[in-house]
């Protein structure tokens, strides 16, 4: 069996056959660090973290590069508005993004290049494009000549004659479809010296230079949000091919997180920043919510959907803890076939989570029947599958985050012990003892709900365990 993934360029599923057998090279467009991340930003990182984990779990040596765009018009504008140096503004919000990725359980990338650290490679790339007749300098700016590329628009499905780059009007452009590779210096802005005069890089140029610096002239997968297909990825592809690089063999794109049917953005005022979200739910619960939908599908955010995801994760967590109390040590086991088939089929996380919950139901039934051997086997399998998705309740990261610190973790352990006593009483048909446990919990402000996947408990005030908040601000663009 191969891992099959949907390629945006060919609009089809393909069997993943890497350039180098047993390896996987991936470039993911990271953040433009103009502000604090919202859930739309981190969804992309989480989706490619699942890809990273599954390829590694199926025997691939994964080299994943995720960039940081730390020089950009919006960064300069936001920093100036705040009266802060542009580099300090970018560094502050880069830390906010990295803090969010870490809090939500993303594996660290193999490399985390910043645009400002790769200007030399960008200048070299521009030189190659000018030499090949695909770019031209004028008035301190350098533009890519879109008309020199035969297949421009094929990634995004754009008609070349109808292309609009979304750039400001420039008198030096030979064709309005051309896009900026290098921006001539303006008073008060940061700049670097080049053969065409001082200036700074264009957005699209950055990723082509950084991707090939770390992954070579051709690599396996380029990923990012669906909003980056045009113009960002179309332009990356065009300039890289024009320079003679094979560049990305396959292109993956994740869907948006929407609110009231619209993509989350600062301009719409409908952002849900990570610091605020992590004051409401635990990081592992937010991760569950954001990877629960298929990566190519849009997530229409609602409080109700988030609450459902929290409850679903707690059913998994509660079963693993209950089984662990009975079995003692509980090392991860093996995946079920349905789970592996789901992830092999274009990272089908909804079906993968369904396989986990099916195993949870079987394990709870075994617990209720007093079959602790079967229950511990089911729990070990659940741990293995949840671990592939970064959700294992007993992993080092999440074991300590049942709440804010040791007291909440202790509460969770005490409640789980009482629920184990209640389950034992019910298995012996001692319903009076089982009801007494439930009443004791209710008197302490803990509500127990019996579900098909086992008992789930919450506090009366709806409080959850929480992760430390990140610095509050606004958000940045991915890419």
Protein backbone atom coordinates (compact mmCIF):
# COMPACT_ATOMS: atom_id res chain seq x y z
CA UNK A 1 0.00 0.00 0.00
CA UNK A 2 1.13 3.52 -0.82
CA UNK A 3 0.22 6.77 0.85
CA UNK A 4 -2.01 8.50 -1.70
CA UNK A 5 -2.17 12.29 -1.76
CA UNK A 6 -4.12 14.83 -3.80
CA UNK A 7 -1.93 16.89 -6.13
CA UNK A 8 -3.28 20.35 -6.89
CA UNK A 9 -1.28 20.62 -10.12
CA UNK A 10 -2.82 17.51 -11.72
CA UNK A 11 -6.12 17.64 -9.77
CA UNK A 12 -5.76 13.95 -8.98
CA UNK A 13 -4.70 11.47 -6.31
CA UNK A 14 -1.24 9.98 -6.66
CA UNK A 15 0.78 7.28 -4.98
CA UNK A 16 3.61 8.87 -3.06
CA UNK A 17 6.85 7.68 -4.66
CA UNK A 18 9.62 9.93 -3.35
CA UNK A 19 12.63 11.04 -5.35
CA UNK A 20 14.86 9.18 -2.92
CA UNK A 21 13.42 5.81 -1.78
CA UNK A 22 12.69 5.76 1.91
CA UNK A 23 12.83 9.54 2.24
CA UNK A 24 10.40 12.43 1.93
CA UNK A 25 11.32 16.08 1.26
CA UNK A 26 8.65 18.65 2.10
CA UNK A 27 8.55 22.43 1.98
CA UNK A 28 5.68 24.15 3.82
CA UNK A 29 4.91 27.84 3.53
CA UNK A 30 5.06 29.18 7.06
CA UNK A 31 3.95 32.46 8.52
CA UNK A 32 4.40 36.05 7.56
CA UNK A 33 4.98 37.15 11.13
CA UNK A 34 2.99 40.38 11.30
CA UNK A 35 0.99 39.39 14.39
CA UNK A 36 -0.17 36.63 16.72
CA UNK A 37 -1.50 33.48 15.00
CA UNK A 38 -5.16 32.54 14.82
CA UNK A 39 -6.62 29.06 14.32
CA UNK A 40 -6.62 29.47 10.55
CA UNK A 41 -2.85 29.85 10.56
CA UNK A 42 -2.08 26.94 12.84
CA UNK A 43 -4.44 24.60 10.99
CA UNK A 44 -1.97 24.53 8.10
CA UNK A 45 0.96 23.65 10.35
CA UNK A 46 -1.10 20.93 12.05
CA UNK A 47 -2.18 19.37 8.75
CA UNK A 48 1.42 19.07 7.56
CA UNK A 49 2.44 17.83 10.98
CA UNK A 50 0.03 14.91 10.48
CA UNK A 51 1.60 14.30 7.05
CA UNK A 52 5.06 14.42 8.66
CA UNK A 53 4.04 11.96 11.37
CA UNK A 54 2.33 9.51 9.03
CA UNK A 55 5.18 9.42 6.52
CA UNK A 56 7.63 8.90 9.39
CA UNK A 57 5.41 6.18 10.87
CA UNK A 58 5.33 4.36 7.52
CA UNK A 59 9.11 4.24 7.29
CA UNK A 60 10.13 7.49 5.60
CA UNK A 61 13.03 9.68 6.66
CA UNK A 62 11.22 13.03 6.57
CA UNK A 63 13.00 16.31 5.83
CA UNK A 64 10.45 19.08 6.40
CA UNK A 65 11.33 22.75 5.91
CA UNK A 66 8.94 25.47 7.09
CA UNK A 67 9.94 29.07 6.36
CA UNK A 68 9.41 32.34 8.19
CA UNK A 69 8.67 35.46 6.13
CA UNK A 70 10.16 38.16 8.34
CA UNK A 71 10.30 41.03 5.83
CA UNK A 72 7.11 42.19 4.14
CA UNK A 73 5.01 45.30 3.45
CA UNK A 74 2.54 44.40 6.19
CA UNK A 75 5.26 43.77 8.76
CA UNK A 76 6.78 47.18 8.01
CA UNK A 77 3.39 48.89 8.21
CA UNK A 78 2.31 47.20 11.45
CA UNK A 79 5.66 47.86 13.12
CA UNK A 80 5.60 51.53 12.09
CA UNK A 81 2.04 51.91 13.39
CA UNK A 82 3.16 50.46 16.71
CA UNK A 83 6.28 52.63 16.84
CA UNK A 84 8.56 49.59 17.03
CA UNK A 85 11.53 48.45 14.91
CA UNK A 86 10.43 46.15 12.09
CA UNK A 87 12.94 43.43 13.06
CA UNK A 88 11.78 43.46 16.69
CA UNK A 89 8.14 43.26 15.60
CA UNK A 90 8.89 40.31 13.33
CA UNK A 91 10.95 38.49 15.96
CA UNK A 92 8.26 38.95 18.61
CA UNK A 93 5.56 37.44 16.44
CA UNK A 94 7.79 34.70 15.10
CA UNK A 95 8.11 33.57 18.72
CA UNK A 96 4.31 33.70 19.05
CA UNK A 97 3.89 31.42 16.02
CA UNK A 98 6.55 28.98 17.16
CA UNK A 99 5.04 28.98 20.64
CA UNK A 100 1.65 28.12 19.18
CA UNK A 101 3.05 25.31 17.03
CA UNK A 102 4.87 23.85 20.02
CA UNK A 103 1.87 24.19 22.34
CA UNK A 104 -0.30 22.32 19.83
CA UNK A 105 2.17 19.46 19.51
CA UNK A 106 3.79 20.10 16.13
CA UNK A 107 7.06 18.27 15.58
CA UNK A 108 9.91 20.71 15.00
CA UNK A 109 10.82 21.19 11.32
CA UNK A 110 14.18 20.02 10.01
CA UNK A 111 14.97 23.63 9.15
CA UNK A 112 13.26 26.94 9.89
CA UNK A 113 14.77 29.46 7.45
CA UNK A 114 14.02 33.18 7.62
CA UNK A 115 13.70 35.25 4.48
CA UNK A 116 16.17 37.86 5.73
CA UNK A 117 18.83 35.17 6.12
CA UNK A 118 18.68 34.12 2.47
CA UNK A 119 19.01 37.32 0.47
CA UNK A 120 22.22 36.07 -1.17
CA UNK A 121 20.42 33.03 -2.59
CA UNK A 122 17.57 35.29 -3.79
CA UNK A 123 19.99 37.55 -5.65
CA UNK A 124 21.59 34.51 -7.29
CA UNK A 125 18.15 33.30 -8.38
CA UNK A 126 17.31 36.68 -9.90
CA UNK A 127 20.64 36.61 -11.79
CA UNK A 128 19.72 33.26 -13.33
CA UNK A 129 16.30 34.52 -14.36
CA UNK A 130 17.69 37.66 -15.99
CA UNK A 131 20.33 35.63 -17.84
CA UNK A 132 17.63 33.29 -19.20
CA UNK A 133 15.45 36.20 -20.35
CA UNK A 134 12.68 35.63 -17.78
CA UNK A 135 13.24 38.75 -15.67
CA UNK A 136 14.23 42.38 -16.19
CA UNK A 137 15.43 45.28 -14.03
CA UNK A 138 13.98 48.77 -14.23
CA UNK A 139 14.35 51.76 -11.91
CA UNK A 140 15.78 49.67 -9.06
CA UNK A 141 12.99 47.08 -9.25
CA UNK A 142 13.19 43.63 -10.86
CA UNK A 143 10.16 41.91 -12.40
CA UNK A 144 9.41 38.41 -13.62
CA UNK A 145 8.15 38.35 -17.21
CA UNK A 146 5.05 36.15 -17.04
CA UNK A 147 4.70 36.04 -20.83
CA UNK A 148 7.95 34.10 -21.16
CA UNK A 149 6.47 31.02 -19.44
CA UNK A 150 4.26 28.78 -21.58
CA UNK A 151 2.33 27.03 -18.81
CA UNK A 152 1.75 29.99 -16.49
CA UNK A 153 -1.58 29.52 -14.71
CA UNK A 154 -1.61 25.72 -14.93
CA UNK A 155 -1.25 25.18 -11.16
CA UNK A 156 -4.12 27.47 -10.21
CA UNK A 157 -6.26 27.14 -13.33
CA UNK A 158 -5.90 30.86 -14.09
CA UNK A 159 -6.18 32.06 -17.68
CA UNK A 160 -2.91 33.93 -18.35
CA UNK A 161 -4.65 36.74 -20.21
CA UNK A 162 -6.90 37.40 -17.21
CA UNK A 163 -4.23 37.31 -14.48
CA UNK A 164 -4.13 40.09 -11.90
CA UNK A 165 -1.22 39.97 -9.46
CA UNK A 166 -2.76 42.28 -6.85
CA UNK A 167 0.34 44.46 -6.80
CA UNK A 168 0.34 48.24 -6.82
CA UNK A 169 0.67 49.98 -10.18
CA UNK A 170 4.30 50.32 -11.30
CA UNK A 171 5.47 52.39 -14.26
CA UNK A 172 8.41 50.11 -14.98
CA UNK A 173 6.41 46.98 -15.74
CA UNK A 174 6.42 45.83 -19.37
CA UNK A 175 3.29 43.76 -18.82
CA UNK A 176 0.71 44.31 -16.04
CA UNK A 177 0.75 40.54 -15.39
CA UNK A 178 4.44 40.62 -14.40
CA UNK A 179 5.20 40.27 -10.70
CA UNK A 180 7.88 41.76 -8.48
CA UNK A 181 11.04 39.84 -7.66
CA UNK A 182 12.94 42.72 -6.05
CA UNK A 183 11.66 46.02 -4.66
CA UNK A 184 13.84 49.11 -4.94
CA UNK A 185 14.61 50.78 -1.62
CA UNK A 186 12.28 53.43 -0.23
CA UNK A 187 13.30 56.02 2.38
CA UNK A 188 13.29 54.57 5.89
CA UNK A 189 12.85 50.96 4.78
CA UNK A 190 15.38 48.15 5.30
CA UNK A 191 17.42 47.29 2.21
CA UNK A 192 20.20 45.06 0.93
CA UNK A 193 22.75 45.89 -1.79
CA UNK A 194 22.33 44.25 -5.21
CA UNK A 195 23.60 44.76 -8.78
CA UNK A 196 20.30 46.57 -9.49
CA UNK A 197 20.51 48.89 -6.51
CA UNK A 198 19.52 48.59 -2.84
CA UNK A 199 16.15 47.08 -1.99
CA UNK A 200 14.39 44.09 -0.49
CA UNK A 201 12.96 40.83 -1.81
CA UNK A 202 9.49 40.21 -3.19
CA UNK A 203 7.34 37.68 -1.37
CA UNK A 204 7.24 34.99 -4.08
CA UNK A 205 11.00 35.02 -4.62
CA UNK A 206 11.70 34.17 -0.99
CA UNK A 207 10.18 30.70 -0.92
CA UNK A 208 11.77 29.54 -4.18
CA UNK A 209 15.20 30.49 -2.86
CA UNK A 210 14.70 28.95 0.58
CA UNK A 211 13.12 25.72 -0.68
CA UNK A 212 15.92 24.95 -3.11
CA UNK A 213 18.63 25.98 -0.63
CA UNK A 214 17.55 23.25 1.80
CA UNK A 215 15.86 20.65 -0.39
CA UNK A 216 17.73 20.96 -3.69
CA UNK A 217 16.58 21.95 -7.17
CA UNK A 218 13.82 19.30 -7.07
CA UNK A 219 11.97 17.92 -4.06
CA UNK A 220 8.87 15.90 -3.29
CA UNK A 221 6.08 18.02 -1.79
CA UNK A 222 5.24 21.70 -1.48
CA UNK A 223 2.42 22.49 0.95
CA UNK A 224 0.42 25.47 2.12
CA UNK A 225 -3.04 26.91 2.50
CA UNK A 226 -5.49 26.96 -0.39
CA UNK A 227 -5.31 30.77 -0.43
CA UNK A 228 -1.65 30.51 -1.50
CA UNK A 229 -2.33 28.67 -4.77
CA UNK A 230 -2.56 32.01 -6.58
CA UNK A 231 -0.57 34.10 -6.84
CA UNK A 232 2.07 32.84 -4.40
CA UNK A 233 2.52 29.22 -5.44
CA UNK A 234 1.78 29.88 -9.11
CA UNK A 235 4.58 32.45 -9.10
CA UNK A 236 6.97 30.27 -7.12
CA UNK A 237 6.46 27.49 -9.63
CA UNK A 238 6.85 29.76 -12.65
CA UNK A 239 10.07 31.44 -11.52
CA UNK A 240 11.65 28.20 -10.32
CA UNK A 241 10.91 26.34 -13.56
CA UNK A 242 12.08 29.33 -15.56
CA UNK A 243 15.38 29.24 -13.65
CA UNK A 244 15.84 25.59 -14.61
CA UNK A 245 14.78 23.94 -11.34
CA UNK A 246 12.38 21.01 -11.26
CA UNK A 247 11.11 22.38 -7.93
CA UNK A 248 8.13 20.67 -6.28
CA UNK A 249 6.93 17.43 -7.83
CA UNK A 250 3.56 17.58 -6.04
CA UNK A 251 1.51 20.35 -4.47
CA UNK A 252 -0.74 19.95 -1.42
CA UNK A 253 -3.15 22.59 -0.13
CA UNK A 254 -5.24 22.66 3.03
CA UNK A 255 -8.65 24.31 3.38
CA UNK A 256 -9.53 27.43 5.30
CA UNK A 257 -11.04 27.85 8.72
CA UNK A 258 -14.08 30.03 8.10
CA UNK A 259 -16.43 32.03 10.29
CA UNK A 260 -19.88 32.87 8.92
CA UNK A 261 -18.74 31.45 5.59
CA UNK A 262 -15.75 33.77 5.23
CA UNK A 263 -12.04 33.08 5.54
CA UNK A 264 -10.59 34.32 8.82
CA UNK A 265 -8.62 37.49 8.34
CA UNK A 266 -7.67 40.64 10.18
CA UNK A 267 -9.58 42.79 7.66
CA UNK A 268 -12.83 40.94 8.36
CA UNK A 269 -12.36 41.27 12.10
CA UNK A 270 -13.29 37.62 12.62
CA UNK A 271 -10.09 36.13 13.97
CA UNK A 272 -9.86 33.59 16.76
CA UNK A 273 -6.36 34.07 18.14
CA UNK A 274 -4.50 31.15 19.68
CA UNK A 275 -3.94 32.87 23.06
CA UNK A 276 -7.69 33.32 23.47
CA UNK A 277 -8.45 29.77 22.32
CA UNK A 278 -5.95 28.27 24.78
CA UNK A 279 -7.69 30.08 27.60
CA UNK A 280 -10.87 28.19 26.65
CA UNK A 281 -9.69 24.67 25.85
CA UNK A 282 -6.60 22.58 26.31
CA UNK A 283 -4.07 22.61 23.50
CA UNK A 284 -4.58 18.90 22.78
CA UNK A 285 -8.34 19.50 22.47
CA UNK A 286 -7.79 22.34 20.02
CA UNK A 287 -5.43 20.13 18.05
CA UNK A 288 -8.10 17.42 17.91
CA UNK A 289 -10.61 19.95 16.61
CA UNK A 290 -8.33 21.35 13.91
CA UNK A 291 -7.18 18.00 12.51
CA UNK A 292 -10.59 16.37 12.81
CA UNK A 293 -11.82 17.55 9.41
CA UNK A 294 -10.16 16.38 6.20
CA UNK A 295 -7.26 18.69 5.47
CA UNK A 296 -8.69 19.76 2.09
CA UNK A 297 -12.09 20.61 3.58
CA UNK A 298 -13.05 23.96 5.06
CA UNK A 299 -13.77 24.10 8.78
CA UNK A 300 -16.72 26.35 9.61
CA UNK A 301 -15.87 27.40 13.14
CA UNK A 302 -18.56 27.33 15.83
CA UNK A 303 -18.44 27.04 19.60
CA UNK A 304 -20.68 24.00 19.38
CA UNK A 305 -18.35 22.16 17.00
CA UNK A 306 -15.41 22.94 19.27
CA UNK A 307 -17.30 21.61 22.29
CA UNK A 308 -18.12 18.40 20.41
CA UNK A 309 -14.45 17.94 19.59
CA UNK A 310 -13.49 18.50 23.23
CA UNK A 311 -16.00 15.90 24.37
CA UNK A 312 -14.81 13.44 21.71
CA UNK A 313 -11.19 13.76 22.75
CA UNK A 314 -12.12 13.35 26.41
CA UNK A 315 -13.83 10.04 25.59
CA UNK A 316 -10.54 8.79 24.16
CA UNK A 317 -8.56 10.20 27.08
CA UNK A 318 -10.92 8.81 29.71
CA UNK A 319 -10.78 5.30 28.26
CA UNK A 320 -6.98 5.28 28.11
CA UNK A 321 -6.74 6.44 31.72
CA UNK A 322 -9.34 3.92 32.91
CA UNK A 323 -7.60 1.08 31.11
CA UNK A 324 -4.26 2.20 32.48
CA UNK A 325 -5.58 2.14 36.03
CA UNK A 326 -6.57 -1.50 35.55
CA UNK A 327 -3.55 -2.67 33.56
CA UNK A 328 -0.74 -0.64 35.10
CA UNK A 329 1.82 -0.02 32.36
CA UNK A 330 0.25 0.63 28.97
CA UNK A 331 2.80 0.82 26.15
CA UNK A 332 1.57 1.79 22.67
CA UNK A 333 0.40 -1.12 20.54
CA UNK A 334 -0.42 -1.42 16.85
CA UNK A 335 -2.85 0.34 14.53
CA UNK A 336 -5.96 -1.27 13.23
CA UNK A 337 -6.24 -1.76 9.44
CA UNK A 338 -9.04 0.79 9.14
CA UNK A 339 -6.85 3.50 10.68
CA UNK A 340 -3.93 2.86 8.34
CA UNK A 341 -6.21 2.71 5.30
CA UNK A 342 -7.77 6.04 6.27
CA UNK A 343 -4.45 7.88 6.48
CA UNK A 344 -3.11 6.19 3.36
CA UNK A 345 -6.13 7.61 1.53
CA UNK A 346 -5.08 11.28 1.31
CA UNK A 347 -4.66 11.66 5.09
CA UNK A 348 -8.29 10.85 5.88
CA UNK A 349 -8.29 12.00 9.50
CA UNK A 350 -12.11 11.78 9.94
CA UNK A 351 -12.03 8.04 9.17
CA UNK A 352 -8.84 7.63 11.21
CA UNK A 353 -10.52 9.20 14.26
CA UNK A 354 -13.58 7.02 13.67
CA UNK A 355 -11.30 3.97 13.84
CA UNK A 356 -9.90 5.23 17.15
CA UNK A 357 -13.38 5.73 18.60
CA UNK A 358 -14.44 2.29 17.40
CA UNK A 359 -11.53 0.80 19.34
CA UNK A 360 -12.47 2.91 22.37
CA UNK A 361 -15.99 1.48 22.30
CA UNK A 362 -14.62 -2.06 22.14
CA UNK A 363 -12.25 -1.31 25.00
CA UNK A 364 -14.97 0.16 27.19
CA UNK A 365 -17.13 -2.88 26.55
CA UNK A 366 -14.22 -5.07 27.63
CA UNK A 367 -13.76 -2.99 30.79
CA UNK A 368 -17.45 -3.29 31.62
CA UNK A 369 -17.24 -7.06 31.11
CA UNK A 370 -14.19 -7.29 33.38
CA UNK A 371 -11.91 -8.39 30.52
CA UNK A 372 -8.90 -6.30 31.46
CA UNK A 373 -6.59 -8.06 29.01
CA UNK A 374 -8.75 -7.10 26.03
CA UNK A 375 -9.24 -3.60 27.42
CA UNK A 376 -5.52 -2.99 27.83
CA UNK A 377 -4.91 -4.28 24.30
CA UNK A 378 -7.50 -1.88 22.95
CA UNK A 379 -6.00 0.99 24.94
CA UNK A 380 -2.52 0.19 23.62
CA UNK A 381 -3.89 0.31 20.08
CA UNK A 382 -5.66 3.59 20.81
CA UNK A 383 -2.40 5.05 22.12
CA UNK A 384 -0.55 3.99 18.96
CA UNK A 385 -3.16 5.48 16.64
CA UNK A 386 -3.62 8.65 18.66
CA UNK A 387 0.15 9.03 18.79
CA UNK A 388 0.38 9.11 15.00
CA UNK A 389 -2.04 12.04 15.08
CA UNK A 390 -0.16 13.73 17.93
CA UNK A 391 -3.01 13.04 20.37
CA UNK A 392 -1.75 10.28 22.67
CA UNK A 393 -3.09 11.17 26.15
CA UNK A 394 -0.09 9.51 27.79
CA UNK A 395 2.56 11.22 25.68
CA UNK A 396 5.05 13.35 27.58
CA UNK A 397 3.46 16.56 26.30
CA UNK A 398 -0.17 15.80 27.07
CA UNK A 399 0.29 13.71 30.22
CA UNK A 400 1.24 16.88 32.08
CA UNK A 401 -1.46 19.02 30.49
CA UNK A 402 -4.62 17.45 31.78
CA UNK A 403 -5.00 20.99 33.12
CA UNK A 404 -2.85 23.88 34.22
CA UNK A 405 -0.17 22.02 36.08
CA UNK A 406 -0.02 19.30 38.67
CA UNK A 407 -3.21 20.11 40.59
CA UNK A 408 -5.43 19.62 37.56
CA UNK A 409 -3.58 16.45 36.61
CA UNK A 410 -4.13 15.18 40.15
CA UNK A 411 -7.84 15.99 39.89
CA UNK A 412 -8.06 14.05 36.62
CA UNK A 413 -6.35 11.05 38.22
CA UNK A 414 -8.71 11.08 41.21
CA UNK A 415 -11.80 11.35 39.03
CA UNK A 416 -10.59 8.57 36.74
CA UNK A 417 -10.01 6.32 39.76
CA UNK A 418 -13.57 6.96 40.96
CA UNK A 419 -14.93 6.26 37.50
CA UNK A 420 -13.01 2.99 37.47
CA UNK A 421 -14.67 2.09 40.80
CA UNK A 422 -18.06 2.99 39.31
CA UNK A 423 -17.43 0.84 36.24
CA UNK A 424 -16.41 -2.07 38.43
CA UNK A 425 -19.58 -1.70 40.51
CA UNK A 426 -21.74 -1.62 37.37
CA UNK A 427 -20.01 -4.71 35.98
CA UNK A 428 -20.99 -6.46 39.24
CA UNK A 429 -24.53 -5.07 38.84
CA UNK A 430 -24.12 -3.16 42.10
CA UNK A 431 -25.99 -0.14 40.76
CA UNK A 432 -26.45 1.42 44.20
CA UNK A 433 -22.66 1.65 44.64
CA UNK A 434 -22.27 2.98 41.09
CA UNK A 435 -24.90 5.66 41.71
CA UNK A 436 -23.20 6.60 44.98
CA UNK A 437 -19.93 7.28 43.14
CA UNK A 438 -21.75 9.43 40.61
CA UNK A 439 -23.48 11.36 43.40
CA UNK A 440 -20.17 11.98 45.17
CA UNK A 441 -18.72 13.40 41.98
CA UNK A 442 -21.78 15.56 41.36
CA UNK A 443 -21.59 16.93 44.90
CA UNK A 444 -18.00 17.92 44.17
CA UNK A 445 -19.09 19.82 41.07
CA UNK A 446 -18.19 17.11 38.53
CA UNK A 447 -20.79 16.00 36.00
CA UNK A 448 -20.51 12.49 34.55
CA UNK A 449 -22.13 11.73 31.20
CA UNK A 450 -22.43 8.14 29.98
CA UNK A 451 -21.82 7.90 26.23
CA UNK A 452 -21.47 4.97 23.80
CA UNK A 453 -17.71 5.51 24.04
CA UNK A 454 -17.68 5.44 27.84
CA UNK A 455 -18.14 7.99 30.65
CA UNK A 456 -17.02 11.60 30.14
CA UNK A 457 -16.67 14.06 33.01
CA UNK A 458 -16.71 17.85 33.06
CA UNK A 459 -16.81 20.50 35.76
CA UNK A 460 -20.15 22.19 36.43
CA UNK A 461 -18.81 25.60 35.37
CA UNK A 462 -17.56 24.17 32.10
CA UNK A 463 -13.94 24.90 32.96
CA UNK A 464 -11.28 22.85 31.23
CA UNK A 465 -7.59 22.41 31.75
CA UNK A 466 -5.73 25.31 30.08
CA UNK A 467 -2.35 25.99 28.56
CA UNK A 468 -0.40 29.18 29.28
CA UNK A 469 -1.48 32.05 27.04
CA UNK A 470 0.75 33.52 24.37
CA UNK A 471 1.33 37.27 23.98
CA UNK A 472 -1.80 38.85 22.55
CA UNK A 473 -1.78 40.96 19.38
CA UNK A 474 -3.26 40.14 15.97
CA UNK A 475 -2.31 37.74 13.21
CA UNK A 476 -0.07 37.17 10.23
CA UNK A 477 -0.38 35.71 6.77
CA UNK A 478 0.94 32.22 5.96
CA UNK A 479 3.47 31.95 3.20
